[in-house]
Amino acid sequence: MSVYDLVLRGGVVLLPELNKEEKLNIGISQRKIAALSADEMEGREVIDASGSYVSPGFIDSHMHDEEKEDGDTIEKALLRQGVTTAIAGNCGSGPLGDEILPFRREPWINLGYLTGHKKLREAAGAVDRYLPATKAQIEIMRSLLRKELENGSFGLSIGLEYLPNTPISELEALFEVAVDFPKIWVPVHIREDGPASVRATQEIIDLALKWPLRFQISHLGSMTGFGQLAKILEMIDRARAEGADITFDCYPYDAFCTDLGSAVFDPGFEKRWGKGKEALEVASGPNRGKWLNEEGLYERLRKEEPECLIIAHVIKEEEVRLCLSHPECSIASDGLLKGGHGHPRAAGTFPRALRLLREMGASWPQAVRKCTSLPAGMNWLDKGLIREGADADLVIFDGDKLRDTATFTDELLPPEGIKWVIIGGEPAVKDSEVLGGPKGELMRRN
């Protein structure tokens, strides 16, 4: 009988791509799943998974890890909730490789990066977010993007709401570079939220029908969760049927979070959301915990602390649930922290989403698919499945106890019910405690 490096014994293994679950033992050797069997196995190390579910490691296709000096906080927060693989640099903010990769040689999770449109503009000197880039600046951006893609960037991330006057011609000049590479992914934070999100979504659908690239509409629930979502889901379904390569993700919260100094909070936001400053909570910096309806605080922070994070409690909860329930909606955290503070989605997204999906009637394999094989397929990642030869990235959890505990006042509390997280065959988390040093790998697009 073979002796494996690690054996997971007696768990109910979730097979999301087959929509089934089966009680199996898992033998792991040399960072890979070496065997799946109901028969007994011997291992140098054994984890008793009886009474628990064993899932592929969760995959977060949308998170922010741009703070060079502090990648640990958010990576560990994701790790404790079962995330073993993540893609950073969404919403146009993805840093250039030379800026970030020297700081991420040993990540806590398997980590890949996107190249951000905003960062390309800044590197080319196009620093005014309300002005299009010049022809000369676009040529610099094109050259930088080609270099980044040659070096393994996962794609081009775009944040149109943050650069609201960007012409489509500027984007298409970059797409002309991207199409020279295989498996390029273009996640987009659309140009407008609220009622205008319908036309903003159509703008991306038109691009997806024109260009042979994969577009992903980021955090769809938070952009369209004001009464427009049902119509937009119909638009996306129709576009996919017509051949558009377009996907989308969502996080399970009725509040979003971003910088106060961004164009998102330009005057007029109250009309879009039907709520005002009383719904806006400061999430980072010395004024953390205050609300922007405090006399003069909005104006002062916009001027003096434009990078402070604001949590906007403005989304309709029923819209978020509708988005999550769509069979092709993947779960993603949009995790974002500054100085260790921000939105609880960084610590609670995946357990919270799984609990909501179960409440809405999904089976465990159906719910877990949205956190594993679905986002893996969207990103051409050879992960998200439990099968022989697959990477041994796994989560063991108690289905009855699984729940998020992070709150808007204590945003990094770890979830309950996550018993083990395993990366590359090595135990990385046990009962919310991170074990030893980093076990992830820095990933590059193949």
Protein backbone atom coordinates (compact mmCIF):
# COMPACT_ATOMS: atom_id res chain seq x y z
CA MET A 1 0.00 0.00 0.00
CA SER A 2 1.27 3.47 -0.91
CA VAL A 3 2.12 5.82 1.90
CA TYR A 4 1.10 9.38 1.08
CA ASP A 5 2.55 12.61 2.45
CA LEU A 6 -0.89 13.58 3.77
CA VAL A 7 -4.21 11.75 3.96
CA LEU A 8 -7.58 13.40 4.50
CA ARG A 9 -9.71 10.67 5.96
CA GLY A 10 -13.47 10.22 6.14
CA GLY A 11 -14.73 13.51 4.74
CA VAL A 12 -17.60 14.14 2.34
CA VAL A 13 -15.81 15.29 -0.79
CA LEU A 14 -17.57 17.94 -2.86
CA LEU A 15 -17.25 17.53 -6.63
CA PRO A 16 -18.78 20.76 -7.98
CA GLU A 17 -18.22 20.05 -11.65
CA LEU A 18 -20.26 16.84 -11.29
CA ASN A 19 -22.81 18.36 -8.88
CA LYS A 20 -22.24 15.50 -6.48
CA GLU A 21 -20.73 14.68 -3.11
CA GLU A 22 -19.12 11.42 -2.05
CA LYS A 23 -17.47 10.09 1.07
CA LEU A 24 -13.85 9.55 0.04
CA ASN A 25 -10.35 9.52 1.41
CA ILE A 26 -7.79 11.76 -0.29
CA GLY A 27 -4.12 10.87 -0.61
CA ILE A 28 -1.73 13.75 -1.26
CA SER A 29 1.91 13.55 -2.36
CA GLN A 30 4.30 16.11 -3.84
CA ARG A 31 1.73 18.93 -3.64
CA LYS A 32 -0.79 17.02 -5.76
CA ILE A 33 -3.85 14.90 -5.14
CA ALA A 34 -2.47 11.42 -5.76
CA ALA A 35 -5.49 9.26 -4.98
CA LEU A 36 -9.23 9.39 -4.26
CA SER A 37 -10.76 6.27 -2.80
CA ALA A 38 -13.27 4.88 -0.32
CA ASP A 39 -10.57 2.39 0.71
CA GLU A 40 -8.27 2.98 3.65
CA MET A 41 -5.06 4.93 2.99
CA GLU A 42 -1.85 5.36 4.92
CA GLY A 43 -0.19 8.73 5.31
CA ARG A 44 2.80 10.21 7.06
CA GLU A 45 0.31 12.75 8.31
CA VAL A 46 -3.43 12.16 8.64
CA ILE A 47 -6.25 14.66 9.09
CA ASP A 48 -9.58 13.30 10.29
CA ALA A 49 -12.21 14.96 8.11
CA SER A 50 -15.12 12.84 9.28
CA GLY A 51 -18.30 14.84 9.83
CA SER A 52 -16.97 17.59 7.52
CA TYR A 53 -17.04 18.59 3.89
CA VAL A 54 -13.88 18.66 1.80
CA SER A 55 -13.97 21.27 -0.95
CA PRO A 56 -11.50 22.52 -3.53
CA GLY A 57 -9.77 25.63 -2.21
CA PHE A 58 -11.82 28.76 -2.83
CA ILE A 59 -10.72 31.01 -5.69
CA ASP A 60 -11.07 34.77 -5.40
CA SER A 61 -10.91 36.30 -8.85
CA HIS A 62 -11.29 39.87 -7.60
CA MET A 63 -9.28 41.24 -4.68
CA HIS A 64 -6.95 44.15 -4.04
CA ASP A 65 -3.44 43.54 -2.80
CA GLU A 66 -1.84 46.78 -3.89
CA GLU A 67 -0.41 47.93 -0.54
CA LYS A 68 3.21 47.01 -1.17
CA GLU A 69 4.29 47.02 2.45
CA ASP A 70 1.34 45.02 3.76
CA GLY A 71 0.20 42.11 1.67
CA ASP A 72 0.07 39.86 4.71
CA THR A 73 -3.08 41.29 6.31
CA ILE A 74 -5.47 40.78 3.43
CA GLU A 75 -3.87 37.55 2.21
CA LYS A 76 -4.21 36.02 5.68
CA ALA A 77 -7.81 37.26 5.96
CA LEU A 78 -8.63 35.51 2.70
CA LEU A 79 -6.70 32.40 3.70
CA ARG A 80 -8.63 32.02 6.97
CA GLN A 81 -11.91 31.93 5.04
CA GLY A 82 -10.70 29.19 2.73
CA VAL A 83 -9.23 31.13 -0.20
CA THR A 84 -6.21 29.35 -1.61
CA THR A 85 -5.89 31.22 -4.92
CA ALA A 86 -6.58 34.86 -5.81
CA ILE A 87 -6.15 37.36 -8.61
CA ALA A 88 -5.24 40.90 -7.54
CA GLY A 89 -5.20 44.24 -9.28
CA ASN A 90 -8.82 44.68 -10.35
CA CYS A 91 -10.78 47.88 -11.11
CA GLY A 92 -7.89 49.33 -13.10
CA SER A 93 -5.61 49.56 -10.07
CA GLY A 94 -3.33 46.59 -10.75
CA PRO A 95 0.29 47.68 -10.28
CA LEU A 96 3.04 47.11 -12.78
CA GLY A 97 5.06 44.00 -12.07
CA ASP A 98 8.29 45.80 -11.22
CA GLU A 99 6.41 47.77 -8.55
CA ILE A 100 4.75 44.88 -6.72
CA LEU A 101 6.35 41.53 -7.47
CA PRO A 102 9.54 42.12 -5.44
CA PHE A 103 7.24 42.48 -2.40
CA ARG A 104 5.29 39.29 -3.11
CA ARG A 105 7.95 36.64 -3.57
CA GLU A 106 6.36 34.45 -0.87
CA PRO A 107 2.60 35.04 -0.77
CA TRP A 108 0.34 33.38 1.78
CA ILE A 109 -1.98 32.20 -1.01
CA ASN A 110 -1.46 31.38 -4.68
CA LEU A 111 -1.47 34.89 -6.10
CA GLY A 112 -1.59 36.35 -9.60
CA TYR A 113 -1.82 39.93 -10.84
CA LEU A 114 -3.65 41.92 -13.46
CA THR A 115 -2.26 45.03 -15.13
CA GLY A 116 -4.38 48.08 -14.35
CA HIS A 117 -5.49 50.59 -16.97
CA LYS A 118 -5.23 53.37 -14.36
CA LYS A 119 -1.66 52.38 -13.53
CA LEU A 120 -0.73 52.30 -17.22
CA ARG A 121 -2.12 55.82 -17.59
CA GLU A 122 -0.19 57.08 -14.58
CA ALA A 123 3.06 55.55 -15.87
CA ALA A 124 2.47 57.27 -19.21
CA GLY A 125 1.77 60.65 -17.59
CA ALA A 126 -2.01 60.66 -18.06
CA VAL A 127 -2.76 61.61 -14.45
CA ASP A 128 -5.95 63.65 -14.89
CA ARG A 129 -8.77 61.15 -14.46
CA TYR A 130 -11.23 63.38 -16.32
CA LEU A 131 -9.14 63.70 -19.50
CA PRO A 132 -8.48 61.09 -22.18
CA ALA A 133 -4.88 60.03 -22.72
CA THR A 134 -3.05 61.60 -25.63
CA LYS A 135 -1.88 59.58 -28.63
CA ALA A 136 1.69 59.67 -27.33
CA GLN A 137 0.58 58.50 -23.90
CA ILE A 138 -1.46 55.68 -25.42
CA GLU A 139 1.61 54.44 -27.29
CA ILE A 140 3.52 54.32 -24.00
CA MET A 141 0.62 52.44 -22.41
CA ARG A 142 0.55 49.94 -25.26
CA SER A 143 4.26 49.25 -24.90
CA LEU A 144 3.97 48.82 -21.12
CA LEU A 145 0.98 46.51 -21.45
CA ARG A 146 2.81 44.30 -23.93
CA LYS A 147 5.73 43.99 -21.54
CA GLU A 148 3.42 43.10 -18.63
CA LEU A 149 1.55 40.45 -20.62
CA GLU A 150 4.82 38.97 -21.86
CA ASN A 151 5.87 38.68 -18.20
CA GLY A 152 2.77 36.74 -17.19
CA SER A 153 0.15 39.31 -16.21
CA PHE A 154 -3.29 37.70 -16.20
CA GLY A 155 -4.84 40.49 -18.21
CA LEU A 156 -5.96 44.09 -18.33
CA SER A 157 -8.19 45.42 -15.55
CA ILE A 158 -10.33 48.47 -16.20
CA GLY A 159 -12.09 50.84 -13.79
CA LEU A 160 -14.22 53.12 -15.91
CA GLU A 161 -16.14 54.67 -13.01
CA TYR A 162 -12.81 55.92 -11.68
CA LEU A 163 -11.82 57.34 -15.10
CA PRO A 164 -15.28 58.42 -16.24
CA ASN A 165 -14.38 60.21 -19.47
CA THR A 166 -12.18 57.50 -20.93
CA PRO A 167 -13.08 57.07 -24.62
CA ILE A 168 -13.66 53.60 -26.00
CA SER A 169 -10.91 54.29 -28.55
CA GLU A 170 -8.36 54.42 -25.71
CA LEU A 171 -9.44 51.00 -24.47
CA GLU A 172 -9.49 49.51 -27.93
CA ALA A 173 -5.93 50.65 -28.53
CA LEU A 174 -4.98 48.45 -25.57
CA PHE A 175 -7.18 45.58 -26.75
CA GLU A 176 -5.16 45.58 -29.99
CA VAL A 177 -2.18 44.56 -27.87
CA ALA A 178 -4.07 42.11 -25.68
CA VAL A 179 -5.40 40.03 -28.59
CA ASP A 180 -1.83 39.00 -29.45
CA PHE A 181 -1.76 36.87 -26.27
CA PRO A 182 -3.76 33.75 -25.36
CA LYS A 183 -6.24 33.56 -22.51
CA ILE A 184 -6.39 37.26 -21.74
CA TRP A 185 -8.95 38.33 -19.19
CA VAL A 186 -10.46 41.84 -19.02
CA PRO A 187 -12.38 42.47 -15.79
CA VAL A 188 -14.25 45.78 -15.89
CA HIS A 189 -15.65 48.04 -13.21
CA ILE A 190 -18.32 49.60 -15.43
CA ARG A 191 -18.59 53.33 -16.10
CA GLU A 192 -21.71 54.11 -14.06
CA ASP A 193 -23.65 52.57 -11.19
CA GLY A 194 -27.29 53.06 -10.25
CA PRO A 195 -29.90 53.61 -12.99
CA ALA A 196 -27.21 54.35 -15.60
CA SER A 197 -25.70 50.91 -15.05
CA VAL A 198 -27.94 49.56 -17.83
CA ARG A 199 -26.19 51.61 -20.50
CA ALA A 200 -22.83 51.07 -18.80
CA THR A 201 -23.33 47.31 -19.02
CA GLN A 202 -24.37 47.56 -22.65
CA GLU A 203 -21.10 49.36 -23.36
CA ILE A 204 -19.15 46.31 -22.16
CA ILE A 205 -21.45 43.87 -23.93
CA ASP A 206 -20.79 45.71 -27.19
CA LEU A 207 -17.05 45.36 -26.62
CA ALA A 208 -17.39 41.68 -25.78
CA LEU A 209 -19.29 41.07 -29.01
CA LYS A 210 -16.59 42.86 -30.98
CA TRP A 211 -13.31 41.70 -29.41
CA PRO A 212 -12.05 38.09 -28.95
CA LEU A 213 -11.25 38.67 -25.29
CA ARG A 214 -12.94 37.49 -22.10
CA PHE A 215 -14.68 40.33 -20.28
CA GLN A 216 -15.84 40.06 -16.68
CA ILE A 217 -18.16 42.62 -15.14
CA SER A 218 -16.83 43.15 -11.64
CA HIS A 219 -19.01 43.12 -8.50
CA LEU A 220 -22.18 43.25 -10.56
CA GLY A 221 -24.47 43.35 -7.51
CA SER A 222 -22.90 46.51 -6.13
CA MET A 223 -23.04 48.34 -9.47
CA THR A 224 -26.61 47.47 -10.42
CA GLY A 225 -28.20 46.69 -7.06
CA PHE A 226 -30.57 49.64 -7.18
CA GLY A 227 -33.41 48.02 -9.12
CA GLN A 228 -31.64 47.38 -12.43
CA LEU A 229 -30.20 43.93 -11.85
CA ALA A 230 -32.94 41.72 -13.31
CA LYS A 231 -32.81 43.59 -16.60
CA ILE A 232 -29.02 43.50 -16.71
CA LEU A 233 -28.89 39.76 -16.06
CA GLU A 234 -31.23 39.29 -19.04
CA MET A 235 -28.93 41.47 -21.16
CA ILE A 236 -25.88 39.41 -20.18
CA ASP A 237 -27.63 36.10 -20.80
CA ARG A 238 -28.72 37.27 -24.24
CA ALA A 239 -25.22 38.51 -25.09
CA ARG A 240 -23.68 35.20 -24.04
CA ALA A 241 -26.17 33.37 -26.26
CA GLU A 242 -25.02 35.62 -29.13
CA GLY A 243 -21.39 34.64 -28.58
CA ALA A 244 -20.08 37.32 -26.22
CA ASP A 245 -17.41 35.96 -23.88
CA ILE A 246 -18.66 37.76 -20.79
CA THR A 247 -18.81 36.71 -17.16
CA PHE A 248 -19.52 38.41 -13.83
CA ASP A 249 -18.94 38.18 -10.10
CA CYS A 250 -20.57 39.40 -6.90
CA TYR A 251 -19.88 39.69 -3.18
CA PRO A 252 -22.61 38.97 -0.62
CA TYR A 253 -23.00 42.38 1.02
CA ASP A 254 -25.43 45.26 0.55
CA ALA A 255 -22.67 47.85 0.98
CA PHE A 256 -19.67 48.67 -1.20
CA CYS A 257 -16.32 50.25 -0.31
CA THR A 258 -13.90 52.52 -2.14
CA ASP A 259 -11.79 55.69 -1.79
CA LEU A 260 -13.64 58.87 -0.88
CA GLY A 261 -11.50 60.89 -3.27
CA SER A 262 -12.54 58.80 -6.28
CA ALA A 263 -15.01 59.92 -8.92
CA VAL A 264 -17.56 57.53 -7.38
CA PHE A 265 -18.20 60.17 -4.71
CA ASP A 266 -18.27 63.19 -6.99
CA PRO A 267 -21.23 65.49 -6.21
CA GLY A 268 -24.53 63.99 -7.33
CA PHE A 269 -24.09 60.51 -5.87
CA GLU A 270 -27.18 60.95 -3.66
CA LYS A 271 -29.45 61.07 -6.69
CA ARG A 272 -27.97 57.85 -8.12
CA TRP A 273 -28.40 55.84 -4.94
CA GLY A 274 -31.44 57.45 -3.37
CA LYS A 275 -29.40 57.84 -0.16
CA GLY A 276 -27.10 60.54 1.11
CA LYS A 277 -24.13 61.08 3.39
CA GLU A 278 -25.96 59.44 6.30
CA ALA A 279 -25.35 56.09 4.53
CA LEU A 280 -21.59 56.61 4.13
CA GLU A 281 -19.28 55.24 6.84
CA VAL A 282 -15.57 56.02 7.15
CA ALA A 283 -13.70 52.71 7.13
CA SER A 284 -10.02 53.67 7.40
CA GLY A 285 -7.81 56.37 8.80
CA PRO A 286 -8.19 58.47 11.97
CA ASN A 287 -11.89 59.13 11.34
CA ARG A 288 -12.77 55.45 11.02
CA GLY A 289 -16.27 54.72 12.33
CA LYS A 290 -17.65 58.20 11.67
CA TRP A 291 -20.45 58.91 9.19
CA LEU A 292 -20.18 61.54 6.48
CA ASN A 293 -23.32 63.39 7.54
CA GLU A 294 -21.23 64.84 10.37
CA GLU A 295 -20.96 68.57 9.70
CA GLY A 296 -18.25 69.31 7.13
CA LEU A 297 -16.66 65.85 7.26
CA TYR A 298 -17.33 64.92 3.60
CA GLU A 299 -15.77 68.13 2.32
CA ARG A 300 -12.79 67.98 4.68
CA LEU A 301 -11.90 64.34 4.00
CA ARG A 302 -12.34 64.71 0.22
CA LYS A 303 -9.70 67.44 0.42
CA GLU A 304 -7.36 66.20 3.16
CA GLU A 305 -7.72 62.38 3.14
CA PRO A 306 -8.94 61.40 -0.33
CA GLU A 307 -7.54 57.88 0.02
CA CYS A 308 -9.60 57.01 3.09
CA LEU A 309 -12.03 54.16 2.49
CA ILE A 310 -15.77 54.72 2.67
CA ILE A 311 -18.39 52.01 3.12
CA ALA A 312 -21.56 52.95 1.28
CA HIS A 313 -24.63 51.23 2.75
CA VAL A 314 -26.77 51.82 -0.32
CA ILE A 315 -27.42 48.52 -2.15
CA LYS A 316 -30.71 46.62 -2.08
CA GLU A 317 -30.18 43.26 -0.34
CA GLU A 318 -32.68 41.48 -2.59
CA GLU A 319 -30.64 42.54 -5.62
CA VAL A 320 -27.50 41.01 -4.14
CA ARG A 321 -29.32 37.74 -3.51
CA LEU A 322 -30.66 37.77 -7.08
CA CYS A 323 -27.15 38.19 -8.46
CA LEU A 324 -25.67 35.47 -6.25
CA SER A 325 -28.39 33.03 -7.27
CA HIS A 326 -27.64 33.28 -11.00
CA PRO A 327 -25.98 29.99 -12.03
CA GLU A 328 -23.08 31.75 -13.77
CA CYS A 329 -22.28 34.26 -11.03
CA SER A 330 -18.95 33.58 -9.34
CA ILE A 331 -18.17 34.68 -5.80
CA ALA A 332 -15.41 37.27 -5.37
CA SER A 333 -14.50 39.37 -2.36
CA ASP A 334 -13.32 42.67 -3.85
CA GLY A 335 -11.31 42.63 -0.63
CA LEU A 336 -9.69 46.00 -0.01
CA LEU A 337 -7.86 47.21 3.10
CA LYS A 338 -5.85 50.28 3.99
CA GLY A 339 -3.77 50.23 7.12
CA GLY A 340 -5.47 46.97 8.08
CA HIS A 341 -8.98 48.42 7.91
CA GLY A 342 -11.82 48.34 5.40
CA HIS A 343 -14.87 46.26 4.55
CA PRO A 344 -15.67 42.88 6.20
CA ARG A 345 -15.83 41.25 2.77
CA ALA A 346 -12.04 40.78 3.07
CA ALA A 347 -12.60 38.27 5.90
CA GLY A 348 -16.13 36.95 5.42
CA THR A 349 -17.14 36.80 1.75
CA PHE A 350 -16.93 33.08 1.04
CA PRO A 351 -18.55 31.64 4.19
CA ARG A 352 -21.24 34.33 3.98
CA ALA A 353 -21.95 33.62 0.32
CA LEU A 354 -22.11 29.86 0.89
CA ARG A 355 -24.56 30.33 3.75
CA LEU A 356 -26.78 32.60 1.64
CA LEU A 357 -26.71 30.20 -1.29
CA ARG A 358 -27.72 27.33 0.98
CA GLU A 359 -30.57 29.44 2.35
CA MET A 360 -31.71 30.01 -1.24
CA GLY A 361 -31.84 26.27 -1.87
CA ALA A 362 -28.49 25.45 -3.48
CA SER A 363 -26.89 22.08 -2.75
CA TRP A 364 -23.38 22.12 -1.32
CA PRO A 365 -21.82 21.16 -4.68
CA GLN A 366 -23.83 23.89 -6.43
CA ALA A 367 -22.84 26.51 -3.87
CA VAL A 368 -19.18 25.51 -3.77
CA ARG A 369 -18.98 25.57 -7.58
CA LYS A 370 -19.40 29.36 -7.46
CA CYS A 371 -16.30 29.58 -5.27
CA THR A 372 -14.13 27.00 -7.03
CA SER A 373 -14.55 25.46 -10.48
CA LEU A 374 -16.59 28.38 -11.87
CA PRO A 375 -14.03 31.14 -11.16
CA ALA A 376 -11.21 28.75 -12.09
CA GLY A 377 -12.76 28.24 -15.51
CA MET A 378 -13.36 31.94 -15.93
CA ASN A 379 -9.65 32.58 -15.39
CA TRP A 380 -8.24 29.52 -17.21
CA LEU A 381 -6.79 28.30 -13.92
CA ASP A 382 -5.98 24.63 -13.57
CA LYS A 383 -7.53 24.63 -10.13
CA GLY A 384 -10.93 24.41 -8.45
CA LEU A 385 -11.42 20.64 -8.76
CA ILE A 386 -10.76 17.57 -6.65
CA ARG A 387 -9.33 14.88 -8.89
CA GLU A 388 -6.16 12.86 -9.21
CA GLY A 389 -3.31 15.01 -10.45
CA ALA A 390 -4.89 18.29 -9.33
CA ASP A 391 -3.13 20.75 -7.06
CA ALA A 392 -3.77 19.82 -3.44
CA ASP A 393 -5.48 23.11 -2.51
CA LEU A 394 -8.36 22.14 -0.24
CA VAL A 395 -10.75 23.39 2.45
CA ILE A 396 -12.29 21.26 5.18
CA PHE A 397 -15.36 22.85 6.78
CA ASP A 398 -18.28 22.07 9.06
CA GLY A 399 -21.39 22.76 7.02
CA ASP A 400 -23.57 23.28 10.08
CA LYS A 401 -21.25 25.81 11.69
CA LEU A 402 -19.98 27.67 8.63
CA ARG A 403 -20.67 31.38 8.98
CA ASP A 404 -18.93 34.74 8.70
CA THR A 405 -18.33 36.76 11.86
CA ALA A 406 -16.60 39.88 10.47
CA THR A 407 -18.60 43.07 10.98
CA PHE A 408 -18.38 46.66 9.82
CA THR A 409 -16.82 47.57 13.17
CA ASP A 410 -14.55 44.52 13.46
CA GLU A 411 -13.84 43.71 9.83
CA LEU A 412 -11.11 41.07 10.21
CA LEU A 413 -12.81 38.60 12.53
CA PRO A 414 -12.28 35.12 11.02
CA PRO A 415 -15.25 32.92 10.10
CA GLU A 416 -16.51 29.95 12.04
CA GLY A 417 -16.64 26.44 10.65
CA ILE A 418 -13.42 26.49 8.58
CA LYS A 419 -11.48 23.60 10.13
CA TRP A 420 -8.51 23.26 7.80
CA VAL A 421 -7.12 25.07 4.76
CA ILE A 422 -4.49 23.22 2.74
CA ILE A 423 -2.25 24.76 0.07
CA GLY A 424 -0.08 22.56 -2.08
CA GLY A 425 -0.63 19.65 0.27
CA GLU A 426 0.55 21.58 3.33
CA PRO A 427 -1.82 22.55 6.15
CA ALA A 428 -1.96 26.36 6.17
CA VAL A 429 -4.84 27.04 8.58
CA LYS A 430 -6.32 25.07 11.46
CA ASP A 431 -9.41 26.46 13.22
CA SER A 432 -8.65 30.04 12.11
CA GLU A 433 -4.99 29.84 13.15
CA VAL A 434 -2.49 30.41 10.35
CA LEU A 435 0.18 27.71 10.58
CA GLY A 436 3.83 28.52 9.98
CA GLY A 437 5.01 30.66 7.11
CA PRO A 438 3.64 31.42 3.63
CA LYS A 439 2.74 28.40 1.50
CA GLY A 440 1.38 30.05 -1.63
CA GLU A 441 3.07 30.63 -4.96
CA LEU A 442 3.33 33.66 -7.18
CA MET A 443 1.43 32.78 -10.35
CA ARG A 444 1.91 33.91 -13.92
CA ARG A 445 -0.41 33.40 -16.86
CA ASN A 446 0.63 30.38 -18.90
